[in-house]
Amino acid sequence: SPDEAAAMLGELKAAPLLNGFRGAAKADVPALANLIAKVSQLAARYRSEVSEIEINPVLVHPMGEGVTIVDALVVPAARTG
């Protein structure tokens, strides 16, 4: 869920960077947490059809401005038979 993802983000060593470190704008952590939750749900839903999902990099904009996925890769699961 987005709440679980936000809690995990808060535990990162880099969490201060998301919270406006040294005068920088606070990052849109709710948008990032929502993205993490949605990708997790997508991976669970299509677990038999997708072997990998990579989104890198993800740009996290200032609060209220969302996130941007710059590049993404989805690798289908190997078919047998």
C-alpha atoms as a PDB file:
ATOM      1  CA  SER A   1       0.000   0.000   0.000  1.00  0.00           C
ATOM      2  CA  PRO A   2       1.139   3.617  -0.321  1.00  0.00           C
ATOM      3  CA  ASP A   3       1.285   3.861   3.487  1.00  0.00           C
ATOM      4  CA  GLU A   4       3.604   0.849   3.708  1.00  0.00           C
ATOM      5  CA  ALA A   5       5.781   2.225   0.906  1.00  0.00           C
ATOM      6  CA  ALA A   6       5.988   5.639   2.628  1.00  0.00           C
ATOM      7  CA  ALA A   7       7.034   3.940   5.866  1.00  0.00           C
ATOM      8  CA  MET A   8       9.760   2.011   4.029  1.00  0.00           C
ATOM      9  CA  LEU A   9      10.973   5.203   2.335  1.00  0.00           C
ATOM     10  CA  GLY A  10      11.186   6.838   5.762  1.00  0.00           C
ATOM     11  CA  GLU A  11      13.588   4.098   6.900  1.00  0.00           C
ATOM     12  CA  LEU A  12      16.107   4.728   4.102  1.00  0.00           C
ATOM     13  CA  LYS A  13      19.445   6.336   4.937  1.00  0.00           C
ATOM     14  CA  ALA A  14      18.658   8.763   2.113  1.00  0.00           C
ATOM     15  CA  ALA A  15      15.298   9.762   3.650  1.00  0.00           C
ATOM     16  CA  PRO A  16      16.605  13.221   4.662  1.00  0.00           C
ATOM     17  CA  LEU A  17      17.159  13.964   0.963  1.00  0.00           C
ATOM     18  CA  LEU A  18      13.450  13.411   0.331  1.00  0.00           C
ATOM     19  CA  ASN A  19      12.477  15.709   3.191  1.00  0.00           C
ATOM     20  CA  GLY A  20      14.116  18.897   1.995  1.00  0.00           C
ATOM     21  CA  PHE A  21      17.737  18.396   3.051  1.00  0.00           C
ATOM     22  CA  ARG A  22      19.777  21.625   3.295  1.00  0.00           C
ATOM     23  CA  GLY A  23      17.043  23.897   2.024  1.00  0.00           C
ATOM     24  CA  ALA A  24      16.029  21.830  -0.994  1.00  0.00           C
ATOM     25  CA  ALA A  25      12.321  21.490  -1.737  1.00  0.00           C
ATOM     26  CA  LYS A  26      10.590  18.600  -0.009  1.00  0.00           C
ATOM     27  CA  ALA A  27      10.073  15.748  -2.477  1.00  0.00           C
ATOM     28  CA  ASP A  28       6.640  14.440  -3.441  1.00  0.00           C
ATOM     29  CA  VAL A  29       6.972  11.374  -1.212  1.00  0.00           C
ATOM     30  CA  PRO A  30       3.238  10.527  -1.437  1.00  0.00           C
ATOM     31  CA  ALA A  31       3.524  10.306  -5.239  1.00  0.00           C
ATOM     32  CA  LEU A  32       6.636   8.128  -4.950  1.00  0.00           C
ATOM     33  CA  ALA A  33       4.946   5.881  -2.373  1.00  0.00           C
ATOM     34  CA  ASN A  34       1.915   5.567  -4.660  1.00  0.00           C
ATOM     35  CA  LEU A  35       4.169   4.587  -7.579  1.00  0.00           C
ATOM     36  CA  ILE A  36       5.916   1.934  -5.472  1.00  0.00           C
ATOM     37  CA  ALA A  37       2.556   0.522  -4.369  1.00  0.00           C
ATOM     38  CA  LYS A  38       1.179   0.450  -7.926  1.00  0.00           C
ATOM     39  CA  VAL A  39       4.280  -1.308  -9.306  1.00  0.00           C
ATOM     40  CA  SER A  40       4.082  -3.841  -6.469  1.00  0.00           C
ATOM     41  CA  GLN A  41       0.429  -4.516  -7.254  1.00  0.00           C
ATOM     42  CA  LEU A  42       1.227  -4.830 -10.965  1.00  0.00           C
ATOM     43  CA  ALA A  43       4.032  -7.303 -10.243  1.00  0.00           C
ATOM     44  CA  ALA A  44       1.771  -9.388  -8.005  1.00  0.00           C
ATOM     45  CA  ARG A  45      -1.103  -9.387 -10.481  1.00  0.00           C
ATOM     46  CA  TYR A  46       1.064 -10.466 -13.432  1.00  0.00           C
ATOM     47  CA  ARG A  47       3.581 -12.615 -11.529  1.00  0.00           C
ATOM     48  CA  SER A  48       3.114 -15.569 -13.886  1.00  0.00           C
ATOM     49  CA  GLU A  49       3.488 -13.407 -16.996  1.00  0.00           C
ATOM     50  CA  VAL A  50       6.287 -11.015 -16.013  1.00  0.00           C
ATOM     51  CA  SER A  51       9.677 -12.031 -14.666  1.00  0.00           C
ATOM     52  CA  GLU A  52      11.158  -8.535 -14.142  1.00  0.00           C
ATOM     53  CA  ILE A  53      10.068  -4.929 -13.883  1.00  0.00           C
ATOM     54  CA  GLU A  54      12.666  -2.180 -13.731  1.00  0.00           C
ATOM     55  CA  ILE A  55      11.965   1.530 -13.569  1.00  0.00           C
ATOM     56  CA  ASN A  56      15.150   3.544 -13.449  1.00  0.00           C
ATOM     57  CA  PRO A  57      15.578   6.379 -13.007  1.00  0.00           C
ATOM     58  CA  VAL A  58      12.503   7.824 -11.370  1.00  0.00           C
ATOM     59  CA  LEU A  59      12.580  11.585 -10.887  1.00  0.00           C
ATOM     60  CA  VAL A  60      10.810  12.724  -7.740  1.00  0.00           C
ATOM     61  CA  HIS A  61       9.596  16.292  -8.132  1.00  0.00           C
ATOM     62  CA  PRO A  62       8.821  18.813  -5.379  1.00  0.00           C
ATOM     63  CA  MET A  63       5.735  18.206  -3.236  1.00  0.00           C
ATOM     64  CA  GLY A  64       2.571  18.226  -5.289  1.00  0.00           C
ATOM     65  CA  GLU A  65       4.357  17.819  -8.630  1.00  0.00           C
ATOM     66  CA  GLY A  66       4.515  14.026  -8.797  1.00  0.00           C
ATOM     67  CA  VAL A  67       7.128  11.714 -10.239  1.00  0.00           C
ATOM     68  CA  THR A  68       8.466  10.975 -13.714  1.00  0.00           C
ATOM     69  CA  ILE A  69       9.542   7.535 -14.868  1.00  0.00           C
ATOM     70  CA  VAL A  70      12.419   8.195 -17.265  1.00  0.00           C
ATOM     71  CA  ASP A  71      12.963   4.615 -18.415  1.00  0.00           C
ATOM     72  CA  ALA A  72      11.208   1.321 -17.812  1.00  0.00           C
ATOM     73  CA  LEU A  73      11.770  -2.307 -18.708  1.00  0.00           C
ATOM     74  CA  VAL A  74       9.279  -5.160 -18.413  1.00  0.00           C
ATOM     75  CA  VAL A  75      10.622  -8.639 -19.131  1.00  0.00           C
ATOM     76  CA  PRO A  76       8.031 -11.290 -19.921  1.00  0.00           C
ATOM     77  CA  ALA A  77       8.264 -14.635 -18.200  1.00  0.00           C
ATOM     78  CA  ALA A  78       9.796 -17.424 -20.234  1.00  0.00           C
ATOM     79  CA  ARG A  79       7.182 -19.551 -21.896  1.00  0.00           C
ATOM     80  CA  THR A  80       7.356 -23.274 -21.466  1.00  0.00           C
ATOM     81  CA  GLY A  81       5.907 -25.857 -23.785  1.00  0.00           C
END
